[in-house]
Amino acid sequence: MSSANIFTLALTVTFVSVIPHSSAFWLFNVVFPPNATQPLFRSNDTPPLIIVPGNLGNRMEAKIDKPTLVHWMCYKKTQDWFPLWIDLNMFMPIGVDCWIDNIKLVYNSSTRRATNSPGVEVRVPGFGQTHSIEHLDTHRLAGYFHTMVQHLVNMGYARNETVRGAPYDWRLAPNENEECLSKLKALVEEMYDQYQRPVLLLGHSMGCHYVLYFLNTQPQAWKDKFIKGFISLGAPWGGAIKTLRVMASGENDGIPMISNQKIREAQRMMTSNPWMLPFADVWPKDHVFISTPNASYTHQDYQQFFSDLDFDDGWNMWEDTKNLTSALRAPGVEVWCMYGVGLLTPVSYVYDDTYPDSDPVEYVYDDGDNTVDTLSMSQCKRWIGRQEKPVHVTEFRGMPHLDMVFHHKVLALMQQILEGNSDTPEEIDCRSDNV
């Protein structure tokens, strides 16, 4: 092993030892990767599958020729593409400033579009393949969908053939990701033509909203022909309360080398964050998401929320994206909606008078998966009886949000569905599996 790889591994192990399990999903598989099932049989009678990852859930690469630098130690120009997400070296003290300057978007309030920072090109590698979603770094240390994909391979699926990934620029809401959605449609049709079977779509977290948006924009006849169904894992169907904290004071997901307020600069400029603000049709008008000594913010106060942050572009981004999926139109395909319940999950953040440049001092909790609340995730139930195709809902009691992509009970239920048994239990108890 080279000295660079030894350093990277040491740095990663250090992170794993100090950060919460529920926060650092991209590092969870480093030391104790969950095991996929051992190969039991090979089957050619399963539908082809496309996986759409969640926010932060696939690699991105950049090439730069920057007019200015935030720090003299940052690279000004590169000849080749380099990892933008995730490069573990970005967690070094100087590296984080360079990384934020490279990954942040610039929003134009006149065109209502977001672009890369000046002098930065960004691309998403590996569309139609699985490596970009299996591991988020080139060292294959930061695992995400690897355990699930390996489980599928053990069932008889083949990487980059019958199971494929649909990575995308997760900084952007789907109204600015038209090329990605066109490629997804072409991939579905390609796999259908190749295997002469309708394709199953699987999404995790925000990726489920991408799948819903995609399906809502396709004719029913197209879906009837090309789509077998849709498996959603941990989808924030009613929006995600956490995004309010992300834009107010920032959220470093437990990585101690990056302060919440520092990473906030990049998080605020991602148009996918305002898109995921809690939906008005789901939440009570008097539910307070953020409370400060001077104000309380419900979903009726978003404009004031952004104004008080001196972040009017945030309001414009929300106006641009608020109607993309908030109506929760039925997808028009068979749905298997799975999510975790039974864990304390923040539904309100309380700040002191240093808001917004400090972390919350108190939290109000409700039921959920420790990231998204049950009220939001259970909104898929409204599709029952509202579309011709069946909707199956399974709650995993004691299942954290990020475990949905590798927990053996989720994989077992997925295997059952893929093998043709559509009926699923209403609840599966996972409390005894938690360490």
Protein backbone atom coordinates (compact mmCIF):
# COMPACT_ATOMS: atom_id res chain seq x y z
CA MET A 1 0.00 0.00 0.00
CA SER A 2 1.37 3.42 -0.94
CA SER A 3 2.01 6.09 1.67
CA ALA A 4 -0.86 8.12 0.22
CA ASN A 5 -3.25 5.21 0.63
CA ILE A 6 -2.02 4.57 4.17
CA PHE A 7 -2.65 8.22 5.00
CA THR A 8 -6.13 8.10 3.48
CA LEU A 9 -7.00 4.94 5.38
CA ALA A 10 -5.71 6.39 8.64
CA LEU A 11 -7.67 9.56 8.10
CA THR A 12 -10.81 7.56 7.36
CA VAL A 13 -10.46 5.35 10.42
CA THR A 14 -10.03 8.48 12.52
CA PHE A 15 -13.32 9.85 11.17
CA VAL A 16 -15.14 6.60 11.84
CA SER A 17 -13.96 6.56 15.43
CA VAL A 18 -15.32 10.03 16.26
CA ILE A 19 -18.46 10.58 14.20
CA PRO A 20 -21.99 9.29 14.80
CA HIS A 21 -23.05 6.21 12.86
CA SER A 22 -26.22 7.89 11.64
CA SER A 23 -24.32 10.83 10.14
CA ALA A 24 -21.43 9.43 8.17
CA PHE A 25 -23.07 6.90 5.88
CA TRP A 26 -20.28 7.23 3.31
CA LEU A 27 -17.73 6.11 5.88
CA PHE A 28 -19.75 3.41 7.62
CA ASN A 29 -18.56 0.53 5.49
CA VAL A 30 -14.86 1.29 5.99
CA VAL A 31 -14.00 -0.72 9.07
CA PHE A 32 -16.93 -3.12 9.43
CA PRO A 33 -18.64 -3.42 6.04
CA PRO A 34 -21.98 -5.24 6.24
CA ASN A 35 -21.93 -8.57 4.46
CA ALA A 36 -24.07 -9.33 1.45
CA THR A 37 -25.71 -12.72 1.30
CA GLN A 38 -23.64 -15.55 -0.07
CA PRO A 39 -24.56 -16.71 -3.58
CA LEU A 40 -27.38 -19.22 -3.29
CA PHE A 41 -28.59 -19.55 -6.85
CA ARG A 42 -28.56 -17.83 -10.19
CA SER A 43 -31.78 -16.49 -11.65
CA ASN A 44 -32.53 -15.01 -15.05
CA ASP A 45 -36.18 -14.41 -14.16
CA THR A 46 -35.82 -11.10 -12.34
CA PRO A 47 -36.53 -7.61 -13.71
CA PRO A 48 -33.66 -5.34 -14.71
CA LEU A 49 -33.03 -2.70 -12.05
CA ILE A 50 -31.90 0.94 -12.03
CA ILE A 51 -30.76 2.55 -8.75
CA VAL A 52 -31.16 6.31 -8.19
CA PRO A 53 -29.09 7.44 -5.17
CA GLY A 54 -29.92 10.08 -2.58
CA ASN A 55 -28.36 13.44 -1.84
CA LEU A 56 -24.54 13.14 -1.72
CA GLY A 57 -25.00 9.61 -3.01
CA ASN A 58 -22.70 9.43 -6.04
CA ARG A 59 -19.28 10.60 -7.14
CA MET A 60 -18.68 13.89 -8.90
CA GLU A 61 -15.54 15.11 -10.65
CA ALA A 62 -14.19 18.55 -11.49
CA LYS A 63 -11.70 20.29 -13.72
CA ILE A 64 -10.68 23.85 -12.88
CA ASP A 65 -9.16 26.94 -14.42
CA LYS A 66 -10.09 29.51 -11.80
CA PRO A 67 -9.72 33.28 -12.15
CA THR A 68 -9.20 33.72 -8.39
CA LEU A 69 -8.42 31.55 -5.37
CA VAL A 70 -9.82 31.51 -1.83
CA HIS A 71 -6.42 30.42 -0.54
CA TRP A 72 -2.98 30.47 -2.10
CA MET A 73 -2.57 26.73 -1.45
CA CYS A 74 -5.62 25.83 -3.57
CA TYR A 75 -5.07 24.56 -7.11
CA LYS A 76 -5.76 27.22 -9.71
CA LYS A 77 -5.79 24.98 -12.79
CA THR A 78 -5.89 21.25 -13.47
CA GLN A 79 -5.34 19.42 -16.74
CA ASP A 80 -7.31 16.35 -15.74
CA TRP A 81 -10.55 15.59 -13.96
CA PHE A 82 -10.18 15.02 -10.22
CA PRO A 83 -12.56 13.75 -7.51
CA LEU A 84 -14.85 16.49 -6.22
CA TRP A 85 -17.07 14.19 -4.18
CA ILE A 86 -15.77 12.45 -2.36
CA ASP A 87 -12.04 13.10 -1.90
CA LEU A 88 -11.07 12.40 1.70
CA ASN A 89 -8.24 14.92 1.48
CA MET A 90 -10.86 17.67 1.32
CA PHE A 91 -11.36 17.24 5.06
CA MET A 92 -7.95 18.74 5.77
CA PRO A 93 -8.02 22.30 7.21
CA ILE A 94 -7.01 24.12 4.02
CA GLY A 95 -8.56 21.56 1.69
CA VAL A 96 -12.08 22.27 2.88
CA ASP A 97 -11.89 25.92 1.77
CA CYS A 98 -10.73 24.86 -1.68
CA TRP A 99 -13.42 22.19 -1.87
CA ILE A 100 -16.26 24.54 -0.89
CA ASP A 101 -15.12 27.05 -3.50
CA ASN A 102 -15.10 24.33 -6.16
CA ILE A 103 -18.39 22.60 -5.32
CA LYS A 104 -20.63 25.58 -4.56
CA LEU A 105 -23.07 26.81 -7.15
CA VAL A 106 -23.78 30.36 -8.27
CA TYR A 107 -27.48 31.22 -8.55
CA ASN A 108 -28.66 33.81 -11.08
CA SER A 109 -31.89 35.41 -9.88
CA SER A 110 -32.59 36.78 -13.38
CA THR A 111 -32.32 33.51 -15.30
CA ARG A 112 -33.45 31.48 -12.26
CA ARG A 113 -30.68 28.98 -12.97
CA ALA A 114 -27.66 27.80 -11.02
CA THR A 115 -24.23 27.34 -12.57
CA ASN A 116 -20.84 26.15 -11.37
CA SER A 117 -18.42 28.58 -9.78
CA PRO A 118 -16.35 30.58 -12.29
CA GLY A 119 -13.61 28.46 -13.80
CA VAL A 120 -15.08 25.16 -12.55
CA GLU A 121 -16.39 22.31 -14.70
CA VAL A 122 -18.26 19.48 -12.97
CA ARG A 123 -19.27 16.12 -14.37
CA VAL A 124 -20.97 13.01 -12.98
CA PRO A 125 -18.99 9.87 -13.86
CA GLY A 126 -20.37 6.42 -14.45
CA PHE A 127 -23.95 6.91 -15.61
CA GLY A 128 -25.41 3.48 -16.32
CA GLN A 129 -22.75 1.82 -14.16
CA THR A 130 -22.70 1.03 -10.45
CA HIS A 131 -19.20 2.01 -9.29
CA SER A 132 -20.16 5.67 -8.78
CA ILE A 133 -22.90 4.73 -6.29
CA GLU A 134 -21.28 1.67 -4.71
CA HIS A 135 -18.30 3.64 -3.36
CA LEU A 136 -18.13 7.41 -3.24
CA ASP A 137 -14.34 7.60 -3.45
CA THR A 138 -11.80 6.12 -5.82
CA HIS A 139 -10.07 4.26 -2.97
CA ARG A 140 -13.30 2.25 -2.46
CA LEU A 141 -13.32 3.10 1.24
CA ALA A 142 -16.51 5.14 1.39
CA GLY A 143 -19.23 2.56 0.78
CA TYR A 144 -22.85 3.38 -0.10
CA PHE A 145 -24.73 0.95 -2.36
CA HIS A 146 -21.94 -1.64 -2.48
CA THR A 147 -23.58 -4.13 -0.12
CA MET A 148 -26.91 -3.94 -1.97
CA VAL A 149 -25.32 -4.32 -5.39
CA GLN A 150 -23.26 -7.27 -4.21
CA HIS A 151 -26.42 -8.87 -2.82
CA LEU A 152 -28.05 -8.44 -6.22
CA VAL A 153 -25.03 -9.97 -7.94
CA ASN A 154 -25.28 -12.93 -5.59
CA MET A 155 -28.90 -13.29 -6.68
CA GLY A 156 -27.87 -13.50 -10.31
CA TYR A 157 -27.77 -9.86 -11.39
CA ALA A 158 -24.78 -8.54 -13.33
CA ARG A 159 -23.15 -5.19 -12.60
CA ASN A 160 -23.58 -2.62 -15.39
CA GLU A 161 -25.90 -5.01 -17.23
CA THR A 162 -29.03 -6.06 -15.35
CA VAL A 163 -28.37 -3.72 -12.40
CA ARG A 164 -27.25 -0.22 -13.24
CA GLY A 165 -26.85 3.13 -11.51
CA ALA A 166 -28.29 6.51 -12.44
CA PRO A 167 -26.03 9.04 -10.68
CA TYR A 168 -26.78 12.73 -11.10
CA ASP A 169 -25.69 16.18 -9.94
CA TRP A 170 -27.44 16.13 -6.56
CA ARG A 171 -26.70 19.82 -6.01
CA LEU A 172 -29.48 20.60 -8.48
CA ALA A 173 -33.23 20.10 -8.36
CA PRO A 174 -34.66 18.12 -11.31
CA ASN A 175 -35.91 21.23 -13.15
CA GLU A 176 -32.22 21.97 -13.80
CA ASN A 177 -31.19 18.37 -14.47
CA GLU A 178 -32.99 17.80 -17.76
CA GLU A 179 -30.06 15.98 -19.35
CA CYS A 180 -29.89 13.49 -16.49
CA LEU A 181 -33.61 12.72 -16.77
CA SER A 182 -33.33 12.27 -20.53
CA LYS A 183 -30.47 9.83 -19.98
CA LEU A 184 -32.56 7.97 -17.41
CA LYS A 185 -35.40 7.54 -19.88
CA ALA A 186 -33.00 6.33 -22.55
CA LEU A 187 -31.44 3.89 -20.09
CA VAL A 188 -34.84 2.44 -19.20
CA GLU A 189 -35.67 1.91 -22.87
CA GLU A 190 -32.23 0.44 -23.58
CA MET A 191 -32.57 -2.11 -20.77
CA TYR A 192 -36.12 -2.97 -21.80
CA ASP A 193 -35.01 -3.59 -25.39
CA GLN A 194 -32.04 -5.66 -24.27
CA TYR A 195 -33.83 -7.88 -21.75
CA GLN A 196 -37.41 -7.70 -23.04
CA ARG A 197 -38.69 -7.03 -19.54
CA PRO A 198 -40.02 -3.88 -17.84
CA VAL A 199 -37.49 -2.14 -15.61
CA LEU A 200 -37.72 -1.69 -11.85
CA LEU A 201 -36.63 1.67 -10.42
CA LEU A 202 -35.19 1.96 -6.91
CA GLY A 203 -34.53 5.22 -5.10
CA HIS A 204 -33.13 6.19 -1.72
CA SER A 205 -34.02 9.35 0.19
CA MET A 206 -34.03 12.40 -2.14
CA GLY A 207 -33.45 10.06 -5.07
CA CYS A 208 -37.06 8.90 -4.60
CA HIS A 209 -38.26 12.41 -5.39
CA TYR A 210 -36.15 12.34 -8.53
CA VAL A 211 -37.83 9.08 -9.53
CA LEU A 212 -41.29 10.50 -8.73
CA TYR A 213 -40.61 13.63 -10.78
CA PHE A 214 -39.38 11.45 -13.65
CA LEU A 215 -42.44 9.19 -13.56
CA ASN A 216 -44.84 12.13 -13.27
CA THR A 217 -43.44 13.55 -16.52
CA GLN A 218 -43.91 10.32 -18.52
CA PRO A 219 -47.12 9.28 -20.34
CA GLN A 220 -49.03 6.46 -18.68
CA ALA A 221 -48.71 4.31 -21.79
CA TRP A 222 -44.93 4.63 -21.61
CA LYS A 223 -44.91 3.63 -17.93
CA ASP A 224 -47.20 0.69 -18.58
CA LYS A 225 -44.78 -0.64 -21.18
CA PHE A 226 -41.37 0.12 -19.71
CA ILE A 227 -41.70 0.26 -15.90
CA LYS A 228 -42.16 -2.78 -13.67
CA GLY A 229 -42.46 -0.72 -10.49
CA PHE A 230 -40.77 1.61 -8.04
CA ILE A 231 -39.08 0.71 -4.73
CA SER A 232 -38.63 3.74 -2.48
CA LEU A 233 -36.34 3.59 0.55
CA GLY A 234 -36.56 6.25 3.27
CA ALA A 235 -38.18 8.86 1.03
CA PRO A 236 -38.94 12.27 2.60
CA TRP A 237 -42.26 12.44 0.75
CA GLY A 238 -43.47 15.41 2.77
CA GLY A 239 -40.15 17.21 2.63
CA ALA A 240 -37.28 17.18 5.10
CA ILE A 241 -37.21 19.42 8.17
CA LYS A 242 -33.45 19.02 8.35
CA THR A 243 -33.03 21.22 5.27
CA LEU A 244 -34.17 24.25 7.28
CA ARG A 245 -31.30 23.72 9.70
CA VAL A 246 -28.92 23.12 6.77
CA MET A 247 -29.72 26.51 5.27
CA ALA A 248 -29.98 28.38 8.56
CA SER A 249 -26.85 27.31 10.43
CA GLY A 250 -25.35 24.53 8.27
CA GLU A 251 -24.95 20.81 8.93
CA ASN A 252 -21.61 19.03 8.72
CA ASP A 253 -23.15 15.57 9.23
CA GLY A 254 -20.88 14.95 12.19
CA ILE A 255 -17.53 15.48 10.46
CA PRO A 256 -15.48 17.36 13.09
CA MET A 257 -12.95 18.87 10.65
CA ILE A 258 -15.67 21.01 9.01
CA SER A 259 -17.71 23.50 11.01
CA ASN A 260 -21.43 23.74 10.32
CA GLN A 261 -21.16 27.42 9.51
CA LYS A 262 -18.29 26.90 7.07
CA ILE A 263 -20.05 24.25 5.01
CA ARG A 264 -23.26 26.30 5.04
CA GLU A 265 -21.88 28.45 2.21
CA ALA A 266 -21.96 25.52 -0.19
CA GLN A 267 -25.17 24.01 1.17
CA ARG A 268 -27.18 27.19 0.72
CA MET A 269 -26.37 27.36 -2.97
CA MET A 270 -27.60 23.84 -3.76
CA THR A 271 -31.05 24.26 -5.32
CA SER A 272 -31.99 20.74 -4.21
CA ASN A 273 -32.10 21.94 -0.57
CA PRO A 274 -34.92 24.49 -0.91
CA TRP A 275 -36.78 21.92 -3.03
CA MET A 276 -36.84 19.60 0.00
CA LEU A 277 -38.31 22.13 2.46
CA PRO A 278 -41.35 20.64 4.27
CA PHE A 279 -44.40 20.67 2.02
CA ALA A 280 -47.34 22.89 2.98
CA ASP A 281 -49.98 20.26 2.20
CA VAL A 282 -48.40 17.83 4.68
CA TRP A 283 -47.54 19.90 7.72
CA PRO A 284 -49.94 21.73 10.07
CA LYS A 285 -49.93 25.48 9.65
CA ASP A 286 -48.85 26.00 13.24
CA HIS A 287 -45.95 23.53 13.29
CA VAL A 288 -42.82 25.51 14.15
CA PHE A 289 -39.74 24.18 12.40
CA ILE A 290 -37.26 26.77 13.74
CA SER A 291 -37.62 28.88 16.86
CA THR A 292 -35.37 31.77 17.85
CA PRO A 293 -35.71 34.45 20.57
CA ASN A 294 -37.03 36.82 17.90
CA ALA A 295 -39.08 34.65 15.53
CA SER A 296 -40.71 31.30 14.89
CA TYR A 297 -40.91 29.85 11.41
CA THR A 298 -43.64 27.58 10.02
CA HIS A 299 -44.16 26.63 6.37
CA GLN A 300 -46.13 29.86 6.05
CA ASP A 301 -43.02 31.87 6.93
CA TYR A 302 -40.49 30.72 4.35
CA GLN A 303 -40.13 34.14 2.76
CA GLN A 304 -39.47 35.73 6.15
CA PHE A 305 -37.12 32.87 7.01
CA PHE A 306 -34.94 33.59 3.98
CA SER A 307 -35.21 37.36 4.44
CA ASP A 308 -34.03 37.13 8.04
CA LEU A 309 -31.06 35.10 6.80
CA ASP A 310 -30.32 37.83 4.23
CA PHE A 311 -30.61 35.05 1.65
CA ASP A 312 -33.23 36.16 -0.86
CA ASP A 313 -31.88 33.74 -3.45
CA GLY A 314 -33.07 30.95 -1.18
CA TRP A 315 -36.63 32.22 -1.53
CA ASN A 316 -36.24 32.37 -5.30
CA MET A 317 -34.89 28.80 -5.37
CA TRP A 318 -37.86 27.61 -3.33
CA GLU A 319 -40.27 29.42 -5.65
CA ASP A 320 -38.56 27.70 -8.59
CA THR A 321 -38.84 24.21 -7.09
CA LYS A 322 -41.78 24.16 -4.67
CA ASN A 323 -44.22 22.64 -7.18
CA LEU A 324 -41.95 19.97 -8.67
CA THR A 325 -43.15 17.12 -6.45
CA SER A 326 -45.02 18.73 -3.54
CA ALA A 327 -48.41 17.72 -4.95
CA LEU A 328 -47.29 14.09 -4.54
CA ARG A 329 -49.06 12.95 -7.69
CA ALA A 330 -49.33 9.18 -7.78
CA PRO A 331 -46.50 7.73 -9.87
CA GLY A 332 -48.79 5.47 -11.91
CA VAL A 333 -46.69 2.32 -11.36
CA GLU A 334 -46.64 -0.36 -8.69
CA VAL A 335 -44.93 1.01 -5.58
CA TRP A 336 -43.12 -0.59 -2.67
CA CYS A 337 -42.65 2.17 -0.09
CA MET A 338 -40.26 1.25 2.73
CA TYR A 339 -39.01 3.41 5.58
CA GLY A 340 -37.79 3.27 9.17
CA VAL A 341 -39.85 4.19 12.23
CA GLY A 342 -39.51 4.10 15.98
CA LEU A 343 -36.46 6.38 16.35
CA LEU A 344 -36.32 9.88 17.81
CA THR A 345 -36.10 12.37 14.94
CA PRO A 346 -35.83 16.18 15.16
CA VAL A 347 -38.95 18.00 13.96
CA SER A 348 -38.10 21.42 15.39
CA TYR A 349 -34.87 23.30 16.12
CA VAL A 350 -34.50 25.86 18.92
CA TYR A 351 -31.76 28.50 18.69
CA ASP A 352 -30.47 31.14 21.09
CA ASP A 353 -29.73 34.77 20.29
CA THR A 354 -26.61 33.86 18.28
CA TYR A 355 -28.81 32.46 15.49
CA PRO A 356 -28.05 31.77 12.66
CA ASP A 357 -24.31 31.60 13.30
CA SER A 358 -24.49 28.84 15.87
CA ASP A 359 -25.97 25.38 16.24
CA PRO A 360 -29.39 24.67 17.77
CA VAL A 361 -29.42 24.60 21.56
CA GLU A 362 -32.51 22.37 21.83
CA TYR A 363 -34.44 19.92 19.69
CA VAL A 364 -38.05 18.81 19.60
CA TYR A 365 -38.39 15.16 18.59
CA ASP A 366 -41.04 12.96 17.08
CA ASP A 367 -41.12 9.50 15.53
CA GLY A 368 -39.00 8.77 12.47
CA ASP A 369 -35.80 7.13 11.26
CA ASN A 370 -33.44 9.61 13.03
CA THR A 371 -33.20 11.76 9.88
CA VAL A 372 -36.70 12.03 8.38
CA ASP A 373 -39.91 11.99 10.42
CA THR A 374 -42.65 9.40 9.96
CA LEU A 375 -45.26 11.97 8.96
CA SER A 376 -43.20 12.82 5.89
CA MET A 377 -42.18 9.29 4.92
CA SER A 378 -45.69 7.87 5.31
CA GLN A 379 -47.19 10.20 2.71
CA CYS A 380 -46.85 7.44 0.12
CA LYS A 381 -49.94 5.93 1.76
CA ARG A 382 -52.06 8.61 0.10
CA TRP A 383 -51.48 6.84 -3.23
CA ILE A 384 -53.36 3.75 -2.03
CA GLY A 385 -56.61 3.67 -4.00
CA ARG A 386 -55.61 6.72 -6.07
CA GLN A 387 -53.97 4.77 -8.87
CA GLU A 388 -54.74 1.51 -10.61
CA LYS A 389 -51.43 -0.09 -9.67
CA PRO A 390 -51.03 -1.39 -6.10
CA VAL A 391 -49.08 0.45 -3.41
CA HIS A 392 -47.32 -1.61 -0.73
CA VAL A 393 -46.07 0.06 2.45
CA THR A 394 -43.61 -1.55 4.89
CA GLU A 395 -42.37 0.15 8.05
CA PHE A 396 -39.09 -1.11 9.52
CA ARG A 397 -39.25 -0.50 13.26
CA GLY A 398 -35.90 0.64 14.63
CA MET A 399 -34.33 1.16 11.19
CA PRO A 400 -32.07 4.25 10.80
CA HIS A 401 -32.40 6.25 7.60
CA LEU A 402 -29.03 5.35 6.15
CA ASP A 403 -29.21 1.65 6.97
CA MET A 404 -31.98 1.19 4.41
CA VAL A 405 -29.46 0.62 1.64
CA PHE A 406 -27.61 -2.28 3.25
CA HIS A 407 -29.63 -3.78 6.11
CA HIS A 408 -30.15 -7.52 5.60
CA LYS A 409 -33.89 -7.34 6.28
CA VAL A 410 -34.37 -4.68 3.61
CA LEU A 411 -32.29 -6.71 1.17
CA ALA A 412 -34.30 -9.85 1.97
CA LEU A 413 -37.59 -8.05 1.27
CA MET A 414 -36.15 -6.59 -1.93
CA GLN A 415 -35.14 -10.06 -3.05
CA GLN A 416 -38.67 -11.30 -2.40
CA ILE A 417 -40.08 -8.50 -4.57
CA LEU A 418 -37.55 -9.06 -7.35
CA GLU A 419 -38.39 -12.77 -7.38
CA GLY A 420 -42.04 -11.98 -8.04
CA ASN A 421 -43.69 -11.95 -4.60
CA SER A 422 -45.30 -8.51 -4.50
CA ASP A 423 -47.05 -8.84 -1.15
CA THR A 424 -45.06 -7.35 1.70
CA PRO A 425 -45.67 -7.12 5.48
CA GLU A 426 -46.89 -3.85 6.97
CA GLU A 427 -44.12 -3.87 9.58
CA ILE A 428 -40.77 -5.57 10.16
CA ASP A 429 -39.09 -5.33 13.57
CA CYS A 430 -35.38 -4.48 13.37
CA ARG A 431 -34.81 -3.33 16.96
CA SER A 432 -32.94 -6.46 17.96
CA ASP A 433 -30.51 -5.92 15.04
CA ASN A 434 -29.24 -2.53 16.24
CA VAL A 435 -25.77 -2.44 17.77
